[in-house]
Amino acid sequence: MHGAGQDPAGLEAALHHLAAIERPSASEGEREAAEWIAARLEALDCEAQVEEERAHGTYWWPLGIAAAAGAVGGALASWGRRHG
């Protein structure tokens, strides 16, 4: 990748382009950004490949459920100490 990083204006343009793409986890926007990056790398004679994997597109649900279970457990333990 000779010359990469020597064009601050080009890097800034790339960052602005990528920042404009809405790309939540496992979304079409994430794939669009990955393909854009891969195309730019290939233009620099680098081998690039976007891999596709099965993903849970609602990343926050498992975390939210675990956090809610912990909060309910804590509340029940606190309630049990006061009323038990």
C-alpha atoms as a PDB file:
ATOM      1  CA  MET A   1       0.000   0.000   0.000  1.00  0.00           C
ATOM      2  CA  HIS A   2       2.565   2.494  -1.078  1.00  0.00           C
ATOM      3  CA  GLY A   3       1.379   6.039  -0.490  1.00  0.00           C
ATOM      4  CA  ALA A   4      -1.443   5.178   1.876  1.00  0.00           C
ATOM      5  CA  GLY A   5      -1.684   7.855   4.519  1.00  0.00           C
ATOM      6  CA  GLN A   6       0.163  10.444   2.437  1.00  0.00           C
ATOM      7  CA  ASP A   7      -3.039  12.118   1.234  1.00  0.00           C
ATOM      8  CA  PRO A   8      -4.790  13.738   4.217  1.00  0.00           C
ATOM      9  CA  ALA A   9      -7.562  15.145   2.006  1.00  0.00           C
ATOM     10  CA  GLY A  10      -8.227  11.694   0.558  1.00  0.00           C
ATOM     11  CA  LEU A  11      -8.327  10.127   3.999  1.00  0.00           C
ATOM     12  CA  GLU A  12     -10.709  12.805   5.216  1.00  0.00           C
ATOM     13  CA  ALA A  13     -12.967  12.270   2.200  1.00  0.00           C
ATOM     14  CA  ALA A  14     -12.979   8.519   2.892  1.00  0.00           C
ATOM     15  CA  LEU A  15     -13.910   9.097   6.532  1.00  0.00           C
ATOM     16  CA  HIS A  16     -16.737  11.454   5.554  1.00  0.00           C
ATOM     17  CA  HIS A  17     -18.019   8.941   3.007  1.00  0.00           C
ATOM     18  CA  LEU A  18     -18.032   6.090   5.522  1.00  0.00           C
ATOM     19  CA  ALA A  19     -19.514   8.243   8.288  1.00  0.00           C
ATOM     20  CA  ALA A  20     -22.454   9.095   6.019  1.00  0.00           C
ATOM     21  CA  ILE A  21     -23.440   5.418   5.695  1.00  0.00           C
ATOM     22  CA  GLU A  22     -25.858   4.255   8.378  1.00  0.00           C
ATOM     23  CA  ARG A  23     -24.390   0.890   9.307  1.00  0.00           C
ATOM     24  CA  PRO A  24     -25.760  -0.854  12.383  1.00  0.00           C
ATOM     25  CA  SER A  25     -24.451  -4.339  13.103  1.00  0.00           C
ATOM     26  CA  ALA A  26     -25.277  -6.931  10.429  1.00  0.00           C
ATOM     27  CA  SER A  27     -27.036  -4.333   8.246  1.00  0.00           C
ATOM     28  CA  GLU A  28     -27.011  -3.610   4.529  1.00  0.00           C
ATOM     29  CA  GLY A  29     -25.159  -0.384   5.349  1.00  0.00           C
ATOM     30  CA  GLU A  30     -22.416  -2.336   7.092  1.00  0.00           C
ATOM     31  CA  ARG A  31     -22.014  -4.470   3.981  1.00  0.00           C
ATOM     32  CA  GLU A  32     -22.010  -1.377   1.741  1.00  0.00           C
ATOM     33  CA  ALA A  33     -19.195   0.156   3.802  1.00  0.00           C
ATOM     34  CA  ALA A  34     -17.207  -3.101   3.773  1.00  0.00           C
ATOM     35  CA  GLU A  35     -17.544  -3.435  -0.001  1.00  0.00           C
ATOM     36  CA  TRP A  36     -16.506   0.212  -0.476  1.00  0.00           C
ATOM     37  CA  ILE A  37     -13.382  -0.350   1.643  1.00  0.00           C
ATOM     38  CA  ALA A  38     -12.586  -3.596  -0.202  1.00  0.00           C
ATOM     39  CA  ALA A  39     -12.874  -1.837  -3.572  1.00  0.00           C
ATOM     40  CA  ARG A  40     -10.485   0.902  -2.424  1.00  0.00           C
ATOM     41  CA  LEU A  41      -7.977  -1.685  -1.189  1.00  0.00           C
ATOM     42  CA  GLU A  42      -8.186  -3.578  -4.481  1.00  0.00           C
ATOM     43  CA  ALA A  43      -7.531  -0.294  -6.333  1.00  0.00           C
ATOM     44  CA  LEU A  44      -4.257  -0.175  -4.373  1.00  0.00           C
ATOM     45  CA  ASP A  45      -3.399  -3.709  -5.575  1.00  0.00           C
ATOM     46  CA  CYS A  46      -4.291  -5.261  -2.218  1.00  0.00           C
ATOM     47  CA  GLU A  47      -6.274  -8.456  -2.009  1.00  0.00           C
ATOM     48  CA  ALA A  48      -9.555  -7.810  -0.211  1.00  0.00           C
ATOM     49  CA  GLN A  49     -12.616  -9.946   0.349  1.00  0.00           C
ATOM     50  CA  VAL A  50     -15.828  -9.201   2.218  1.00  0.00           C
ATOM     51  CA  GLU A  51     -16.880 -12.313   4.093  1.00  0.00           C
ATOM     52  CA  GLU A  52     -20.472 -13.069   4.930  1.00  0.00           C
ATOM     53  CA  GLU A  53     -21.344 -14.676   8.249  1.00  0.00           C
ATOM     54  CA  ARG A  54     -24.607 -15.399   9.978  1.00  0.00           C
ATOM     55  CA  ALA A  55     -25.202 -12.704  12.546  1.00  0.00           C
ATOM     56  CA  HIS A  56     -27.774 -11.679  15.084  1.00  0.00           C
ATOM     57  CA  GLY A  57     -28.815  -8.265  13.748  1.00  0.00           C
ATOM     58  CA  THR A  58     -30.277  -7.113  17.045  1.00  0.00           C
ATOM     59  CA  TYR A  59     -27.081  -7.007  19.051  1.00  0.00           C
ATOM     60  CA  TRP A  60     -28.633  -5.132  21.996  1.00  0.00           C
ATOM     61  CA  TRP A  61     -31.467  -7.592  22.728  1.00  0.00           C
ATOM     62  CA  PRO A  62     -29.286 -10.301  24.315  1.00  0.00           C
ATOM     63  CA  LEU A  63     -27.445  -7.683  26.368  1.00  0.00           C
ATOM     64  CA  GLY A  64     -30.681  -5.991  27.422  1.00  0.00           C
ATOM     65  CA  ILE A  65     -32.288  -9.261  28.477  1.00  0.00           C
ATOM     66  CA  ALA A  66     -29.254 -10.224  30.573  1.00  0.00           C
ATOM     67  CA  ALA A  67     -29.127  -6.770  32.183  1.00  0.00           C
ATOM     68  CA  ALA A  68     -32.862  -6.862  32.934  1.00  0.00           C
ATOM     69  CA  ALA A  69     -32.552 -10.328  34.491  1.00  0.00           C
ATOM     70  CA  GLY A  70     -29.733  -9.068  36.715  1.00  0.00           C
ATOM     71  CA  ALA A  71     -31.760  -6.022  37.753  1.00  0.00           C
ATOM     72  CA  VAL A  72     -34.812  -8.154  38.586  1.00  0.00           C
ATOM     73  CA  GLY A  73     -32.641 -10.573  40.575  1.00  0.00           C
ATOM     74  CA  GLY A  74     -31.086  -7.699  42.511  1.00  0.00           C
ATOM     75  CA  ALA A  75     -34.486  -6.163  43.222  1.00  0.00           C
ATOM     76  CA  LEU A  76     -35.888  -9.492  44.436  1.00  0.00           C
ATOM     77  CA  ALA A  77     -32.881 -10.090  46.679  1.00  0.00           C
ATOM     78  CA  SER A  78     -33.248  -6.617  48.161  1.00  0.00           C
ATOM     79  CA  TRP A  79     -36.990  -7.076  48.644  1.00  0.00           C
ATOM     80  CA  GLY A  80     -36.405 -10.490  50.290  1.00  0.00           C
ATOM     81  CA  ARG A  81     -33.958  -9.029  52.838  1.00  0.00           C
ATOM     82  CA  ARG A  82     -36.469  -6.377  53.856  1.00  0.00           C
ATOM     83  CA  HIS A  83     -39.514  -8.645  53.962  1.00  0.00           C
ATOM     84  CA  GLY A  84     -38.047 -12.006  54.874  1.00  0.00           C
END
